[in-house]
Amino acid sequence: MKLLLLGASGRVGQRIAELAIQDGMKVHALLRHPDKLPSSILEKITYTHGNVLNKEQIEEAISGSDMVVSALSTDGGNVLSESMPL
């Protein structure tokens, strides 16, 4: 099963990535700053360099995914925008 993880470099996203990897999932992330993700996670996932606020990049990242998990704005901020496809 292929999981697209949004917000993977954050505190909550990193934990979700760890658990998904432990469960044997293929994890893909859309990352603005891959360097913020520990190498112990980064070496076990695939990722696309991009931004969740870019509609085309979101659509491309979603393609081929079985599920999408969002760990965006778990600190209470609001990064969701009109770029998020419905």
C-alpha atoms as a PDB file:
ATOM      1  CA  MET A   1       0.000   0.000   0.000  1.00  0.00           C
ATOM      2  CA  LYS A   2       1.340   3.417  -0.987  1.00  0.00           C
ATOM      3  CA  LEU A   3       0.762   6.281   1.433  1.00  0.00           C
ATOM      4  CA  LEU A   4       1.196   9.924   0.490  1.00  0.00           C
ATOM      5  CA  LEU A   5       2.140  11.818   3.635  1.00  0.00           C
ATOM      6  CA  LEU A   6       1.742  15.580   3.707  1.00  0.00           C
ATOM      7  CA  GLY A   7       3.568  17.398   6.497  1.00  0.00           C
ATOM      8  CA  ALA A   8       6.087  14.575   6.874  1.00  0.00           C
ATOM      9  CA  SER A   9       8.892  16.809   8.127  1.00  0.00           C
ATOM     10  CA  GLY A  10       6.929  18.052  11.130  1.00  0.00           C
ATOM     11  CA  ARG A  11       6.783  16.508  14.582  1.00  0.00           C
ATOM     12  CA  VAL A  12       3.525  14.623  13.967  1.00  0.00           C
ATOM     13  CA  GLY A  13       4.382  13.789  10.353  1.00  0.00           C
ATOM     14  CA  GLN A  14       7.680  12.214  11.355  1.00  0.00           C
ATOM     15  CA  ARG A  15       5.917   9.968  13.843  1.00  0.00           C
ATOM     16  CA  ILE A  16       3.305   8.955  11.270  1.00  0.00           C
ATOM     17  CA  ALA A  17       6.098   8.165   8.798  1.00  0.00           C
ATOM     18  CA  GLU A  18       7.885   5.990  11.373  1.00  0.00           C
ATOM     19  CA  LEU A  19       4.719   4.038  12.164  1.00  0.00           C
ATOM     20  CA  ALA A  20       3.777   3.601   8.499  1.00  0.00           C
ATOM     21  CA  ILE A  21       7.268   2.313   7.700  1.00  0.00           C
ATOM     22  CA  GLN A  22       7.068  -0.114  10.634  1.00  0.00           C
ATOM     23  CA  ASP A  23       3.746  -1.359   9.247  1.00  0.00           C
ATOM     24  CA  GLY A  24       5.387  -2.070   5.895  1.00  0.00           C
ATOM     25  CA  MET A  25       3.786   0.747   3.940  1.00  0.00           C
ATOM     26  CA  LYS A  26       5.488   2.480   1.047  1.00  0.00           C
ATOM     27  CA  VAL A  27       5.629   6.100   2.144  1.00  0.00           C
ATOM     28  CA  HIS A  28       5.881   8.990  -0.277  1.00  0.00           C
ATOM     29  CA  ALA A  29       6.054  12.601   0.885  1.00  0.00           C
ATOM     30  CA  LEU A  30       5.758  15.996  -0.723  1.00  0.00           C
ATOM     31  CA  LEU A  31       8.524  17.983   0.971  1.00  0.00           C
ATOM     32  CA  ARG A  32       9.552  21.616   0.797  1.00  0.00           C
ATOM     33  CA  HIS A  33      12.590  21.019   3.004  1.00  0.00           C
ATOM     34  CA  PRO A  34      13.805  17.398   2.801  1.00  0.00           C
ATOM     35  CA  ASP A  35      16.723  18.365   5.071  1.00  0.00           C
ATOM     36  CA  LYS A  36      14.271  18.755   7.968  1.00  0.00           C
ATOM     37  CA  LEU A  37      13.506  15.037   7.882  1.00  0.00           C
ATOM     38  CA  PRO A  38      15.932  12.796   9.800  1.00  0.00           C
ATOM     39  CA  SER A  39      18.021  10.583   7.527  1.00  0.00           C
ATOM     40  CA  SER A  40      16.684   7.530   9.380  1.00  0.00           C
ATOM     41  CA  ILE A  41      13.279   8.301   7.835  1.00  0.00           C
ATOM     42  CA  LEU A  42      14.401   9.944   4.590  1.00  0.00           C
ATOM     43  CA  GLU A  43      16.337   6.861   3.495  1.00  0.00           C
ATOM     44  CA  LYS A  44      13.231   4.676   3.901  1.00  0.00           C
ATOM     45  CA  ILE A  45      10.746   6.783   1.919  1.00  0.00           C
ATOM     46  CA  THR A  46      10.427   8.337  -1.493  1.00  0.00           C
ATOM     47  CA  TYR A  47       9.687  12.010  -1.835  1.00  0.00           C
ATOM     48  CA  THR A  48       8.971  14.771  -4.278  1.00  0.00           C
ATOM     49  CA  HIS A  49      10.429  18.196  -3.667  1.00  0.00           C
ATOM     50  CA  GLY A  50       7.489  20.582  -3.718  1.00  0.00           C
ATOM     51  CA  ASN A  51       4.905  22.607  -1.872  1.00  0.00           C
ATOM     52  CA  VAL A  52       1.435  21.598  -0.675  1.00  0.00           C
ATOM     53  CA  LEU A  53       0.148  25.002  -1.765  1.00  0.00           C
ATOM     54  CA  ASN A  54       0.851  24.132  -5.399  1.00  0.00           C
ATOM     55  CA  LYS A  55      -2.166  22.380  -6.924  1.00  0.00           C
ATOM     56  CA  GLU A  56      -0.200  20.665  -9.702  1.00  0.00           C
ATOM     57  CA  GLN A  57       2.400  19.327  -7.277  1.00  0.00           C
ATOM     58  CA  ILE A  58      -0.327  17.974  -4.978  1.00  0.00           C
ATOM     59  CA  GLU A  59      -2.100  16.273  -7.896  1.00  0.00           C
ATOM     60  CA  GLU A  60       1.154  14.726  -9.105  1.00  0.00           C
ATOM     61  CA  ALA A  61       2.065  13.488  -5.616  1.00  0.00           C
ATOM     62  CA  ILE A  62      -1.391  11.972  -5.099  1.00  0.00           C
ATOM     63  CA  SER A  63      -1.202  10.063  -8.379  1.00  0.00           C
ATOM     64  CA  GLY A  64      -0.662   6.371  -7.679  1.00  0.00           C
ATOM     65  CA  SER A  65      -1.310   6.689  -3.947  1.00  0.00           C
ATOM     66  CA  ASP A  66      -3.715   4.365  -2.179  1.00  0.00           C
ATOM     67  CA  MET A  67      -4.276   6.842   0.630  1.00  0.00           C
ATOM     68  CA  VAL A  68      -3.340  10.337   1.723  1.00  0.00           C
ATOM     69  CA  VAL A  69      -2.613  11.356   5.295  1.00  0.00           C
ATOM     70  CA  SER A  70      -2.214  14.995   6.212  1.00  0.00           C
ATOM     71  CA  ALA A  71      -0.111  16.058   9.168  1.00  0.00           C
ATOM     72  CA  LEU A  72      -0.281  19.680   8.041  1.00  0.00           C
ATOM     73  CA  SER A  73      -0.722  22.445  10.590  1.00  0.00           C
ATOM     74  CA  THR A  74      -0.791  20.182  13.615  1.00  0.00           C
ATOM     75  CA  ASP A  75       0.524  23.167  15.576  1.00  0.00           C
ATOM     76  CA  GLY A  76      -2.731  25.024  14.904  1.00  0.00           C
ATOM     77  CA  GLY A  77      -1.625  27.032  11.862  1.00  0.00           C
ATOM     78  CA  ASN A  78      -3.628  27.065   8.656  1.00  0.00           C
ATOM     79  CA  VAL A  79      -1.777  26.136   5.455  1.00  0.00           C
ATOM     80  CA  LEU A  80      -4.721  24.669   3.575  1.00  0.00           C
ATOM     81  CA  SER A  81      -5.739  26.687   0.557  1.00  0.00           C
ATOM     82  CA  GLU A  82      -7.710  26.612  -2.647  1.00  0.00           C
ATOM     83  CA  SER A  83      -4.838  24.645  -4.148  1.00  0.00           C
ATOM     84  CA  MET A  84      -5.991  21.510  -2.355  1.00  0.00           C
ATOM     85  CA  PRO A  85      -7.931  19.380  -4.864  1.00  0.00           C
ATOM     86  CA  LEU A  86     -11.284  18.105  -3.755  1.00  0.00           C
END
